[in-house]
Structure formats: structure tokens, C-alpha cells
């Protein structure tokens, strides 16, 4: 039961954060900068985890692996966002005025 209440509390906290983000005026530029910074931070953590694995200094191999996978997924997402932005720009260039 304690686990279920903990999950419910975490879900409520996430919803509160999302409501705060949507209620304020947040520009696309700010969101993009925040996501790029988060991606950079995850990549740096992943590089440290890889170095720790290579040198044998890793304390928890599973946590290091998860960190690396999170960084990889975040980077793939950012690449897809970039690709979509480039495609949208190319479509705009094709538009005749």
C-alpha cells in the first residue's frame, strides 16, 4: 500500500508541475533551450558513466546502463525534433507567395 500511495503522490506532483508550466507564458524558445540543456546534462552524465564502467569505478552497473540509455533516447528525440524543424523550414521555402 505504501508503494501505491507513493506513486499517487508522485503523479500528483507531476500534474502540479505540468499545470504550472501550462498556466504561464512559456515561449517555444525557452522550452527548446531547456530541453537542449537537459540533453546536454544527460549526455555528460552518460559520458561519466561510460568512463566509470571502462575504468571499473562503477558502483551500480544497472544505474550506469540506465543513465546511458536515457541519454541515448533523449538525444534521439532531439535529433527528431531537429529533423522535423528542418523539414518544416524546407516546406516553407517551397511555399509560393
Foldseek 3Di string as FASTA:
>chain_A
DVVVVVVVVVVVVVVVVVVVVVVDDDDPVNVVVVLVVVLVVLVVLLVVLVVCVVVVVDPDVVVSVVSVVVSVVSVVVVVVVVVVVVVVVVVVVVDDD
